[in-house]
Amino acid sequence: MTKADIVESVYEKVGFSKKEAAQMVEMVFEIMKDNLERGEKIKISGFGNFLVKEKRARKGRNPQTGKEIEISPRRVLSFKPSQALKKLLNT
């Protein structure tokens, strides 16, 4: 499913114009991105949680050369589905 598919679904189910549906979907994604950028958790009841985790620096190995390398610290996005979503997917 793409963003265009989401816009189309909102357009069909809610009755907004396509332009209004696109603006609404874009606004929701912008709010989510802004909150995640600040490191805040997003909890959507019945769907799941989005959170940003901090990964510390660590040593790794180049699989082609076997040479040891330093993997820099970074932030990664994590999603944990709710129990309701897990149940829906496994029925």
PDB file of N, CA and C in Angstrom:
ATOM      1  N   MET A   1       0.844  -1.171   0.000  1.00  0.00           N
ATOM      2  CA  MET A   1       0.000   0.000   0.000  1.00  0.00           C
ATOM      3  C   MET A   1       0.893   1.239   0.000  1.00  0.00           C
ATOM      4  N   THR A   2       0.575   2.191  -0.832  1.00  0.00           N
ATOM      5  CA  THR A   2       1.337   3.429  -0.928  1.00  0.00           C
ATOM      6  C   THR A   2       0.559   4.578  -0.302  1.00  0.00           C
ATOM      7  N   LYS A   3       1.228   5.722  -0.191  1.00  0.00           N
ATOM      8  CA  LYS A   3       0.550   6.898   0.334  1.00  0.00           C
ATOM      9  C   LYS A   3      -0.636   7.268  -0.551  1.00  0.00           C
ATOM     10  N   ALA A   4      -0.489   7.121  -1.848  1.00  0.00           N
ATOM     11  CA  ALA A   4      -1.586   7.410  -2.782  1.00  0.00           C
ATOM     12  C   ALA A   4      -2.779   6.487  -2.517  1.00  0.00           C
ATOM     13  N   ASP A   5      -2.507   5.228  -2.171  1.00  0.00           N
ATOM     14  CA  ASP A   5      -3.586   4.292  -1.836  1.00  0.00           C
ATOM     15  C   ASP A   5      -4.309   4.718  -0.561  1.00  0.00           C
ATOM     16  N   ILE A   6      -3.549   5.216   0.414  1.00  0.00           N
ATOM     17  CA  ILE A   6      -4.152   5.694   1.661  1.00  0.00           C
ATOM     18  C   ILE A   6      -5.032   6.903   1.376  1.00  0.00           C
ATOM     19  N   VAL A   7      -4.530   7.831   0.566  1.00  0.00           N
ATOM     20  CA  VAL A   7      -5.311   9.016   0.191  1.00  0.00           C
ATOM     21  C   VAL A   7      -6.602   8.585  -0.497  1.00  0.00           C
ATOM     22  N   GLU A   8      -6.514   7.636  -1.398  1.00  0.00           N
ATOM     23  CA  GLU A   8      -7.688   7.137  -2.119  1.00  0.00           C
ATOM     24  C   GLU A   8      -8.698   6.523  -1.150  1.00  0.00           C
ATOM     25  N   SER A   9      -8.221   5.756  -0.175  1.00  0.00           N
ATOM     26  CA  SER A   9      -9.120   5.147   0.821  1.00  0.00           C
ATOM     27  C   SER A   9      -9.815   6.209   1.656  1.00  0.00           C
ATOM     28  N   VAL A  10      -9.083   7.233   2.084  1.00  0.00           N
ATOM     29  CA  VAL A  10      -9.678   8.319   2.862  1.00  0.00           C
ATOM     30  C   VAL A  10     -10.715   9.038   2.011  1.00  0.00           C
ATOM     31  N   TYR A  11     -10.380   9.294   0.759  1.00  0.00           N
ATOM     32  CA  TYR A  11     -11.297   9.951  -0.180  1.00  0.00           C
ATOM     33  C   TYR A  11     -12.602   9.159  -0.307  1.00  0.00           C
ATOM     34  N   GLU A  12     -12.499   7.839  -0.465  1.00  0.00           N
ATOM     35  CA  GLU A  12     -13.684   7.000  -0.666  1.00  0.00           C
ATOM     36  C   GLU A  12     -14.511   6.823   0.604  1.00  0.00           C
ATOM     37  N   LYS A  13     -13.852   6.661   1.742  1.00  0.00           N
ATOM     38  CA  LYS A  13     -14.573   6.333   2.980  1.00  0.00           C
ATOM     39  C   LYS A  13     -15.088   7.546   3.733  1.00  0.00           C
ATOM     40  N   VAL A  14     -14.386   8.677   3.652  1.00  0.00           N
ATOM     41  CA  VAL A  14     -14.771   9.841   4.448  1.00  0.00           C
ATOM     42  C   VAL A  14     -15.575  10.843   3.634  1.00  0.00           C
ATOM     43  N   GLY A  15     -15.322  10.893   2.349  1.00  0.00           N
ATOM     44  CA  GLY A  15     -16.099  11.797   1.516  1.00  0.00           C
ATOM     45  C   GLY A  15     -15.459  13.156   1.284  1.00  0.00           C
ATOM     46  N   PHE A  16     -14.216  13.337   1.736  1.00  0.00           N
ATOM     47  CA  PHE A  16     -13.500  14.574   1.429  1.00  0.00           C
ATOM     48  C   PHE A  16     -13.130  14.577  -0.042  1.00  0.00           C
ATOM     49  N   SER A  17     -12.769  15.758  -0.552  1.00  0.00           N
ATOM     50  CA  SER A  17     -12.235  15.800  -1.913  1.00  0.00           C
ATOM     51  C   SER A  17     -10.868  15.129  -1.895  1.00  0.00           C
ATOM     52  N   LYS A  18     -10.368  14.758  -3.064  1.00  0.00           N
ATOM     53  CA  LYS A  18      -9.050  14.106  -3.112  1.00  0.00           C
ATOM     54  C   LYS A  18      -7.966  15.036  -2.568  1.00  0.00           C
ATOM     55  N   LYS A  19      -8.090  16.340  -2.861  1.00  0.00           N
ATOM     56  CA  LYS A  19      -7.106  17.307  -2.378  1.00  0.00           C
ATOM     57  C   LYS A  19      -7.137  17.389  -0.854  1.00  0.00           C
ATOM     58  N   GLU A  20      -8.334  17.421  -0.279  1.00  0.00           N
ATOM     59  CA  GLU A  20      -8.461  17.474   1.181  1.00  0.00           C
ATOM     60  C   GLU A  20      -7.952  16.181   1.823  1.00  0.00           C
ATOM     61  N   ALA A  21      -8.249  15.044   1.206  1.00  0.00           N
ATOM     62  CA  ALA A  21      -7.783  13.760   1.721  1.00  0.00           C
ATOM     63  C   ALA A  21      -6.255  13.700   1.697  1.00  0.00           C
ATOM     64  N   ALA A  22      -5.657  14.179   0.607  1.00  0.00           N
ATOM     65  CA  ALA A  22      -4.197  14.192   0.491  1.00  0.00           C
ATOM     66  C   ALA A  22      -3.578  15.093   1.546  1.00  0.00           C
ATOM     67  N   GLN A  23      -4.176  16.262   1.777  1.00  0.00           N
ATOM     68  CA  GLN A  23      -3.659  17.182   2.796  1.00  0.00           C
ATOM     69  C   GLN A  23      -3.759  16.561   4.184  1.00  0.00           C
ATOM     70  N   MET A  24      -4.864  15.893   4.456  1.00  0.00           N
ATOM     71  CA  MET A  24      -5.063  15.274   5.762  1.00  0.00           C
ATOM     72  C   MET A  24      -4.039  14.161   6.009  1.00  0.00           C
ATOM     73  N   VAL A  25      -3.843  13.295   5.032  1.00  0.00           N
ATOM     74  CA  VAL A  25      -2.882  12.204   5.164  1.00  0.00           C
ATOM     75  C   VAL A  25      -1.476  12.771   5.338  1.00  0.00           C
ATOM     76  N   GLU A  26      -1.135  13.766   4.548  1.00  0.00           N
ATOM     77  CA  GLU A  26       0.187  14.392   4.645  1.00  0.00           C
ATOM     78  C   GLU A  26       0.393  15.025   6.017  1.00  0.00           C
ATOM     79  N   MET A  27      -0.643  15.654   6.543  1.00  0.00           N
ATOM     80  CA  MET A  27      -0.560  16.299   7.850  1.00  0.00           C
ATOM     81  C   MET A  27      -0.313  15.258   8.949  1.00  0.00           C
ATOM     82  N   VAL A  28      -1.004  14.133   8.885  1.00  0.00           N
ATOM     83  CA  VAL A  28      -0.811  13.076   9.882  1.00  0.00           C
ATOM     84  C   VAL A  28       0.628  12.561   9.836  1.00  0.00           C
ATOM     85  N   PHE A  29       1.152  12.325   8.633  1.00  0.00           N
ATOM     86  CA  PHE A  29       2.530  11.840   8.510  1.00  0.00           C
ATOM     87  C   PHE A  29       3.534  12.880   9.006  1.00  0.00           C
ATOM     88  N   GLU A  30       3.293  14.143   8.753  1.00  0.00           N
ATOM     89  CA  GLU A  30       4.196  15.202   9.222  1.00  0.00           C
ATOM     90  C   GLU A  30       4.222  15.258  10.748  1.00  0.00           C
ATOM     91  N   ILE A  31       3.048  15.151  11.367  1.00  0.00           N
ATOM     92  CA  ILE A  31       2.975  15.146  12.832  1.00  0.00           C
ATOM     93  C   ILE A  31       3.744  13.952  13.387  1.00  0.00           C
ATOM     94  N   MET A  32       3.566  12.787  12.772  1.00  0.00           N
ATOM     95  CA  MET A  32       4.277  11.593  13.228  1.00  0.00           C
ATOM     96  C   MET A  32       5.785  11.766  13.069  1.00  0.00           C
ATOM     97  N   LYS A  33       6.230  12.279  11.917  1.00  0.00           N
ATOM     98  CA  LYS A  33       7.666  12.476  11.688  1.00  0.00           C
ATOM     99  C   LYS A  33       8.263  13.459  12.683  1.00  0.00           C
ATOM    100  N   ASP A  34       7.556  14.566  12.942  1.00  0.00           N
ATOM    101  CA  ASP A  34       8.051  15.566  13.886  1.00  0.00           C
ATOM    102  C   ASP A  34       8.222  14.968  15.283  1.00  0.00           C
ATOM    103  N   ASN A  35       7.235  14.205  15.729  1.00  0.00           N
ATOM    104  CA  ASN A  35       7.316  13.596  17.056  1.00  0.00           C
ATOM    105  C   ASN A  35       8.432  12.564  17.138  1.00  0.00           C
ATOM    106  N   LEU A  36       8.586  11.746  16.112  1.00  0.00           N
ATOM    107  CA  LEU A  36       9.657  10.754  16.104  1.00  0.00           C
ATOM    108  C   LEU A  36      11.027  11.416  16.057  1.00  0.00           C
ATOM    109  N   GLU A  37      11.142  12.502  15.322  1.00  0.00           N
ATOM    110  CA  GLU A  37      12.410  13.227  15.241  1.00  0.00           C
ATOM    111  C   GLU A  37      12.831  13.743  16.617  1.00  0.00           C
ATOM    112  N   ARG A  38      11.847  14.131  17.429  1.00  0.00           N
ATOM    113  CA  ARG A  38      12.135  14.606  18.788  1.00  0.00           C
ATOM    114  C   ARG A  38      12.351  13.441  19.755  1.00  0.00           C
ATOM    115  N   GLY A  39      12.236  12.215  19.270  1.00  0.00           N
ATOM    116  CA  GLY A  39      12.458  11.046  20.100  1.00  0.00           C
ATOM    117  C   GLY A  39      11.246  10.617  20.897  1.00  0.00           C
ATOM    118  N   GLU A  40      10.070  11.152  20.553  1.00  0.00           N
ATOM    119  CA  GLU A  40       8.853  10.807  21.273  1.00  0.00           C
ATOM    120  C   GLU A  40       8.259   9.510  20.731  1.00  0.00           C
ATOM    121  N   LYS A  41       7.571   8.800  21.617  1.00  0.00           N
ATOM    122  CA  LYS A  41       6.905   7.548  21.261  1.00  0.00           C
ATOM    123  C   LYS A  41       5.523   7.872  20.688  1.00  0.00           C
ATOM    124  N   ILE A  42       5.104   7.131  19.678  1.00  0.00           N
ATOM    125  CA  ILE A  42       3.762   7.275  19.116  1.00  0.00           C
ATOM    126  C   ILE A  42       3.010   5.988  19.400  1.00  0.00           C
ATOM    127  N   LYS A  43       1.904   6.112  20.135  1.00  0.00           N
ATOM    128  CA  LYS A  43       1.089   4.948  20.477  1.00  0.00           C
ATOM    129  C   LYS A  43      -0.272   5.101  19.805  1.00  0.00           C
ATOM    130  N   ILE A  44      -0.596   4.173  18.922  1.00  0.00           N
ATOM    131  CA  ILE A  44      -1.881   4.161  18.241  1.00  0.00           C
ATOM    132  C   ILE A  44      -2.643   2.942  18.756  1.00  0.00           C
ATOM    133  N   SER A  45      -3.652   3.209  19.562  1.00  0.00           N
ATOM    134  CA  SER A  45      -4.419   2.141  20.209  1.00  0.00           C
ATOM    135  C   SER A  45      -4.999   1.190  19.159  1.00  0.00           C
ATOM    136  N   GLY A  46      -4.818  -0.099  19.398  1.00  0.00           N
ATOM    137  CA  GLY A  46      -5.332  -1.110  18.489  1.00  0.00           C
ATOM    138  C   GLY A  46      -4.452  -1.353  17.280  1.00  0.00           C
ATOM    139  N   PHE A  47      -3.361  -0.592  17.161  1.00  0.00           N
ATOM    140  CA  PHE A  47      -2.457  -0.744  16.017  1.00  0.00           C
ATOM    141  C   PHE A  47      -1.043  -1.075  16.484  1.00  0.00           C
ATOM    142  N   GLY A  48      -0.452  -0.175  17.293  1.00  0.00           N
ATOM    143  CA  GLY A  48       0.890  -0.445  17.793  1.00  0.00           C
ATOM    144  C   GLY A  48       1.625   0.809  18.207  1.00  0.00           C
ATOM    145  N   ASN A  49       2.907   0.629  18.532  1.00  0.00           N
ATOM    146  CA  ASN A  49       3.760   1.717  18.996  1.00  0.00           C
ATOM    147  C   ASN A  49       4.947   1.915  18.057  1.00  0.00           C
ATOM    148  N   PHE A  50       5.225   3.164  17.750  1.00  0.00           N
ATOM    149  CA  PHE A  50       6.428   3.537  17.020  1.00  0.00           C
ATOM    150  C   PHE A  50       7.348   4.207  18.028  1.00  0.00           C
ATOM    151  N   LEU A  51       8.624   3.798  18.075  1.00  0.00           N
ATOM    152  CA  LEU A  51       9.551   4.466  18.954  1.00  0.00           C
ATOM    153  C   LEU A  51      10.936   4.500  18.349  1.00  0.00           C
ATOM    154  N   VAL A  52      11.702   5.488  18.779  1.00  0.00           N
ATOM    155  CA  VAL A  52      13.070   5.660  18.295  1.00  0.00           C
ATOM    156  C   VAL A  52      14.007   5.093  19.354  1.00  0.00           C
ATOM    157  N   LYS A  53      14.871   4.190  18.943  1.00  0.00           N
ATOM    158  CA  LYS A  53      15.850   3.591  19.857  1.00  0.00           C
ATOM    159  C   LYS A  53      17.236   4.116  19.513  1.00  0.00           C
ATOM    160  N   GLU A  54      18.025   4.300  20.552  1.00  0.00           N
ATOM    161  CA  GLU A  54      19.409   4.746  20.377  1.00  0.00           C
ATOM    162  C   GLU A  54      20.314   3.514  20.323  1.00  0.00           C
ATOM    163  N   LYS A  55      21.097   3.401  19.271  1.00  0.00           N
ATOM    164  CA  LYS A  55      22.073   2.317  19.166  1.00  0.00           C
ATOM    165  C   LYS A  55      23.443   2.907  19.463  1.00  0.00           C
ATOM    166  N   ARG A  56      24.187   2.254  20.310  1.00  0.00           N
ATOM    167  CA  ARG A  56      25.515   2.769  20.643  1.00  0.00           C
ATOM    168  C   ARG A  56      26.534   2.308  19.601  1.00  0.00           C
ATOM    169  N   ALA A  57      27.690   2.936  19.615  1.00  0.00           N
ATOM    170  CA  ALA A  57      28.766   2.545  18.699  1.00  0.00           C
ATOM    171  C   ALA A  57      29.221   1.128  19.052  1.00  0.00           C
ATOM    172  N   ARG A  58      29.625   0.403  18.030  1.00  0.00           N
ATOM    173  CA  ARG A  58      30.097  -0.959  18.273  1.00  0.00           C
ATOM    174  C   ARG A  58      31.071  -1.364  17.182  1.00  0.00           C
ATOM    175  N   LYS A  59      31.761  -2.452  17.454  1.00  0.00           N
ATOM    176  CA  LYS A  59      32.693  -2.975  16.460  1.00  0.00           C
ATOM    177  C   LYS A  59      31.956  -3.976  15.575  1.00  0.00           C
ATOM    178  N   GLY A  60      32.259  -3.915  14.299  1.00  0.00           N
ATOM    179  CA  GLY A  60      31.685  -4.843  13.346  1.00  0.00           C
ATOM    180  C   GLY A  60      32.786  -5.403  12.469  1.00  0.00           C
ATOM    181  N   ARG A  61      32.401  -6.171  11.480  1.00  0.00           N
ATOM    182  CA  ARG A  61      33.400  -6.771  10.597  1.00  0.00           C
ATOM    183  C   ARG A  61      32.890  -6.698   9.164  1.00  0.00           C
ATOM    184  N   ASN A  62      33.755  -6.268   8.244  1.00  0.00           N
ATOM    185  CA  ASN A  62      33.430  -6.252   6.829  1.00  0.00           C
ATOM    186  C   ASN A  62      33.385  -7.702   6.357  1.00  0.00           C
ATOM    187  N   PRO A  63      32.232  -8.181   5.881  1.00  0.00           N
ATOM    188  CA  PRO A  63      32.126  -9.595   5.510  1.00  0.00           C
ATOM    189  C   PRO A  63      32.996  -9.988   4.315  1.00  0.00           C
ATOM    190  N   GLN A  64      33.337  -9.023   3.461  1.00  0.00           N
ATOM    191  CA  GLN A  64      34.159  -9.356   2.284  1.00  0.00           C
ATOM    192  C   GLN A  64      35.634  -9.464   2.629  1.00  0.00           C
ATOM    193  N   THR A  65      36.107  -8.535   3.475  1.00  0.00           N
ATOM    194  CA  THR A  65      37.541  -8.513   3.782  1.00  0.00           C
ATOM    195  C   THR A  65      37.867  -9.102   5.144  1.00  0.00           C
ATOM    196  N   GLY A  66      36.889  -9.170   6.026  1.00  0.00           N
ATOM    197  CA  GLY A  66      37.139  -9.650   7.377  1.00  0.00           C
ATOM    198  C   GLY A  66      37.739  -8.578   8.271  1.00  0.00           C
ATOM    199  N   LYS A  67      37.937  -7.376   7.711  1.00  0.00           N
ATOM    200  CA  LYS A  67      38.550  -6.283   8.460  1.00  0.00           C
ATOM    201  C   LYS A  67      37.554  -5.733   9.487  1.00  0.00           C
ATOM    202  N   GLU A  68      38.071  -5.468  10.686  1.00  0.00           N
ATOM    203  CA  GLU A  68      37.226  -4.925  11.744  1.00  0.00           C
ATOM    204  C   GLU A  68      36.950  -3.446  11.473  1.00  0.00           C
ATOM    205  N   ILE A  69      35.675  -3.025  11.670  1.00  0.00           N
ATOM    206  CA  ILE A  69      35.299  -1.630  11.445  1.00  0.00           C
ATOM    207  C   ILE A  69      34.491  -1.125  12.633  1.00  0.00           C
ATOM    208  N   GLU A  70      34.445   0.192  12.787  1.00  0.00           N
ATOM    209  CA  GLU A  70      33.652   0.826  13.830  1.00  0.00           C
ATOM    210  C   GLU A  70      32.298   1.208  13.242  1.00  0.00           C
ATOM    211  N   ILE A  71      31.223   0.733  13.859  1.00  0.00           N
ATOM    212  CA  ILE A  71      29.873   1.099  13.440  1.00  0.00           C
ATOM    213  C   ILE A  71      29.439   2.249  14.334  1.00  0.00           C
ATOM    214  N   SER A  72      29.120   3.370  13.714  1.00  0.00           N
ATOM    215  CA  SER A  72      28.821   4.588  14.461  1.00  0.00           C
ATOM    216  C   SER A  72      27.489   4.494  15.203  1.00  0.00           C
ATOM    217  N   PRO A  73      27.345   5.284  16.278  1.00  0.00           N
ATOM    218  CA  PRO A  73      26.055   5.298  16.979  1.00  0.00           C
ATOM    219  C   PRO A  73      24.973   5.894  16.085  1.00  0.00           C
ATOM    220  N   ARG A  74      23.753   5.454  16.272  1.00  0.00           N
ATOM    221  CA  ARG A  74      22.679   5.948  15.420  1.00  0.00           C
ATOM    222  C   ARG A  74      21.339   5.735  16.102  1.00  0.00           C
ATOM    223  N   ARG A  75      20.324   6.344  15.523  1.00  0.00           N
ATOM    224  CA  ARG A  75      18.951   6.193  15.997  1.00  0.00           C
ATOM    225  C   ARG A  75      18.198   5.351  14.979  1.00  0.00           C
ATOM    226  N   VAL A  76      17.410   4.392  15.467  1.00  0.00           N
ATOM    227  CA  VAL A  76      16.647   3.524  14.574  1.00  0.00           C
ATOM    228  C   VAL A  76      15.177   3.562  14.973  1.00  0.00           C
ATOM    229  N   LEU A  77      14.309   3.431  14.003  1.00  0.00           N
ATOM    230  CA  LEU A  77      12.875   3.416  14.226  1.00  0.00           C
ATOM    231  C   LEU A  77      12.423   1.982  14.469  1.00  0.00           C
ATOM    232  N   SER A  78      11.615   1.801  15.499  1.00  0.00           N
ATOM    233  CA  SER A  78      11.113   0.487  15.855  1.00  0.00           C
ATOM    234  C   SER A  78       9.586   0.535  15.901  1.00  0.00           C
ATOM    235  N   PHE A  79       8.954  -0.546  15.482  1.00  0.00           N
ATOM    236  CA  PHE A  79       7.499  -0.664  15.561  1.00  0.00           C
ATOM    237  C   PHE A  79       7.160  -1.934  16.309  1.00  0.00           C
ATOM    238  N   LYS A  80       6.289  -1.803  17.309  1.00  0.00           N
ATOM    239  CA  LYS A  80       5.821  -2.963  18.050  1.00  0.00           C
ATOM    240  C   LYS A  80       4.308  -3.027  17.894  1.00  0.00           C
ATOM    241  N   PRO A  81       3.801  -4.058  17.222  1.00  0.00           N
ATOM    242  CA  PRO A  81       2.352  -4.155  17.010  1.00  0.00           C
ATOM    243  C   PRO A  81       1.607  -4.394  18.318  1.00  0.00           C
ATOM    244  N   SER A  82       0.364  -3.914  18.377  1.00  0.00           N
ATOM    245  CA  SER A  82      -0.477  -4.131  19.552  1.00  0.00           C
ATOM    246  C   SER A  82      -0.944  -5.586  19.586  1.00  0.00           C
ATOM    247  N   GLN A  83      -1.445  -6.000  20.740  1.00  0.00           N
ATOM    248  CA  GLN A  83      -1.981  -7.359  20.864  1.00  0.00           C
ATOM    249  C   GLN A  83      -3.158  -7.570  19.910  1.00  0.00           C
ATOM    250  N   ALA A  84      -3.982  -6.521  19.740  1.00  0.00           N
ATOM    251  CA  ALA A  84      -5.134  -6.628  18.837  1.00  0.00           C
ATOM    252  C   ALA A  84      -4.684  -6.864  17.402  1.00  0.00           C
ATOM    253  N   LEU A  85      -3.638  -6.160  16.958  1.00  0.00           N
ATOM    254  CA  LEU A  85      -3.135  -6.347  15.599  1.00  0.00           C
ATOM    255  C   LEU A  85      -2.496  -7.727  15.440  1.00  0.00           C
ATOM    256  N   LYS A  86      -1.745  -8.148  16.446  1.00  0.00           N
ATOM    257  CA  LYS A  86      -1.135  -9.488  16.396  1.00  0.00           C
ATOM    258  C   LYS A  86      -2.221 -10.566  16.270  1.00  0.00           C
ATOM    259  N   LYS A  87      -3.269 -10.403  17.070  1.00  0.00           N
ATOM    260  CA  LYS A  87      -4.365 -11.370  17.043  1.00  0.00           C
ATOM    261  C   LYS A  87      -5.038 -11.400  15.679  1.00  0.00           C
ATOM    262  N   LEU A  88      -5.267 -10.217  15.107  1.00  0.00           N
ATOM    263  CA  LEU A  88      -5.890 -10.115  13.786  1.00  0.00           C
ATOM    264  C   LEU A  88      -5.052 -10.800  12.710  1.00  0.00           C
ATOM    265  N   LEU A  89      -3.738 -10.629  12.791  1.00  0.00           N
ATOM    266  CA  LEU A  89      -2.839 -11.206  11.781  1.00  0.00           C
ATOM    267  C   LEU A  89      -2.706 -12.711  11.918  1.00  0.00           C
ATOM    268  N   ASN A  90      -2.943 -13.229  13.120  1.00  0.00           N
ATOM    269  CA  ASN A  90      -2.725 -14.661  13.355  1.00  0.00           C
ATOM    270  C   ASN A  90      -4.021 -15.449  13.493  1.00  0.00           C
ATOM    271  N   THR A  91      -5.122 -14.929  12.979  1.00  0.00           N
ATOM    272  CA  THR A  91      -6.369 -15.697  13.038  1.00  0.00           C
ATOM    273  C   THR A  91      -6.744 -16.231  11.683  1.00  0.00           C
TER     274      THR A  91
END
